[in-house]
């Protein structure tokens, strides 16, 4: 199905400035510490994301932007280069939550 409408950017979905919460700042700090060095390929990219959630009610798309912004910050690339993404979620026991990812050339 194709809808003839311009996609709405998350930046256009809110009025005024948004500010990072303390929880977001802590998350960003922790993610940046956990990410190991990696060389990002040149050109268009594909991003694979797998979320391990302990709540089956968690939305698969909610953590994409904050995590992608952390990747962009750590690896110094513009996330507008991501032209394809594959995202999945799995149910895990509480305390076993995880994020798995891969960045590759398209």
Protein backbone atom coordinates (compact mmCIF):
# COMPACT_ATOMS: atom_id res chain seq x y z
CA UNK A 1 0.00 0.00 0.00
CA UNK A 2 1.27 3.46 -0.87
CA UNK A 3 -0.03 6.60 0.82
CA UNK A 4 0.49 9.85 -1.07
CA UNK A 5 1.52 11.98 1.92
CA UNK A 6 4.81 13.39 3.13
CA UNK A 7 6.19 11.48 6.16
CA UNK A 8 6.20 13.49 9.39
CA UNK A 9 9.59 13.96 11.04
CA UNK A 10 9.80 13.49 14.78
CA UNK A 11 11.32 17.00 14.81
CA UNK A 12 8.06 18.35 13.36
CA UNK A 13 5.85 16.37 15.74
CA UNK A 14 6.49 18.58 18.80
CA UNK A 15 6.20 22.30 19.54
CA UNK A 16 9.18 24.14 20.93
CA UNK A 17 12.46 22.74 22.14
CA UNK A 18 12.75 19.33 23.68
CA UNK A 19 15.15 18.78 26.53
CA UNK A 20 16.90 15.56 27.47
CA UNK A 21 15.70 14.07 30.74
CA UNK A 22 18.15 12.98 33.41
CA UNK A 23 17.24 9.40 32.50
CA UNK A 24 18.13 10.04 28.84
CA UNK A 25 21.43 11.69 29.83
CA UNK A 26 22.34 8.66 31.98
CA UNK A 27 21.32 6.28 29.16
CA UNK A 28 23.45 8.19 26.65
CA UNK A 29 26.45 8.21 29.02
CA UNK A 30 26.09 4.44 29.63
CA UNK A 31 25.65 3.59 25.94
CA UNK A 32 28.67 5.69 24.91
CA UNK A 33 30.79 3.82 27.49
CA UNK A 34 29.58 0.41 26.29
CA UNK A 35 30.08 0.98 22.55
CA UNK A 36 33.38 -0.46 21.34
CA UNK A 37 35.44 1.18 18.60
CA UNK A 38 34.10 0.51 15.12
CA UNK A 39 34.76 1.79 11.62
CA UNK A 40 31.60 2.97 9.91
CA UNK A 41 31.53 2.22 6.16
CA UNK A 42 31.31 5.07 3.66
CA UNK A 43 28.11 5.79 1.76
CA UNK A 44 24.54 4.67 2.46
CA UNK A 45 24.05 2.47 5.51
CA UNK A 46 21.77 -0.25 6.80
CA UNK A 47 21.07 -0.44 10.52
CA UNK A 48 20.01 -3.70 12.14
CA UNK A 49 18.53 -3.38 15.64
CA UNK A 50 17.29 -6.09 17.99
CA UNK A 51 15.74 -5.10 21.31
CA UNK A 52 15.43 -7.52 24.22
CA UNK A 53 12.46 -6.21 26.24
CA UNK A 54 11.16 -7.65 29.49
CA UNK A 55 7.74 -6.17 28.79
CA UNK A 56 5.82 -7.60 25.84
CA UNK A 57 3.98 -4.26 25.68
CA UNK A 58 7.12 -2.33 24.71
CA UNK A 59 6.93 -0.66 21.30
CA UNK A 60 9.62 -1.81 18.87
CA UNK A 61 10.12 1.70 17.47
CA UNK A 62 10.37 3.86 20.62
CA UNK A 63 14.07 3.25 21.35
CA UNK A 64 15.27 3.75 17.78
CA UNK A 65 15.97 7.50 17.74
CA UNK A 66 17.71 7.78 21.15
CA UNK A 67 19.92 4.78 20.37
CA UNK A 68 20.64 5.89 16.81
CA UNK A 69 21.63 9.32 18.12
CA UNK A 70 24.10 7.63 20.50
CA UNK A 71 25.58 5.66 17.60
CA UNK A 72 25.89 8.86 15.57
CA UNK A 73 27.62 10.64 18.45
CA UNK A 74 30.05 7.79 19.21
CA UNK A 75 30.98 6.94 15.64
CA UNK A 76 30.83 10.45 14.16
CA UNK A 77 28.50 9.85 11.22
CA UNK A 78 25.29 11.54 10.12
CA UNK A 79 22.30 9.27 10.71
CA UNK A 80 20.69 10.58 7.53
CA UNK A 81 23.00 8.08 5.79
CA UNK A 82 20.85 5.24 7.15
CA UNK A 83 18.58 4.39 4.24
CA UNK A 84 17.45 0.95 5.40
CA UNK A 85 16.72 -0.43 8.85
CA UNK A 86 15.64 -3.78 10.16
CA UNK A 87 14.24 -3.79 13.68
CA UNK A 88 12.93 -6.61 15.80
CA UNK A 89 12.02 -7.17 19.42
CA UNK A 90 12.15 -10.25 21.60
CA UNK A 91 10.71 -10.93 25.04
CA UNK A 92 13.28 -11.64 27.75
CA UNK A 93 13.10 -12.06 31.50
CA UNK A 94 13.40 -8.95 33.67
CA UNK A 95 17.05 -8.05 34.13
CA UNK A 96 18.10 -9.67 30.83
CA UNK A 97 17.24 -6.71 28.58
CA UNK A 98 19.69 -6.01 25.75
CA UNK A 99 20.37 -4.12 22.53
CA UNK A 100 21.99 -5.84 19.57
CA UNK A 101 22.96 -3.86 16.47
CA UNK A 102 24.92 -3.93 13.26
CA UNK A 103 25.81 -1.13 10.84
CA UNK A 104 26.73 -2.08 7.30
CA UNK A 105 26.94 -0.72 3.77
CA UNK A 106 23.90 -0.95 1.51
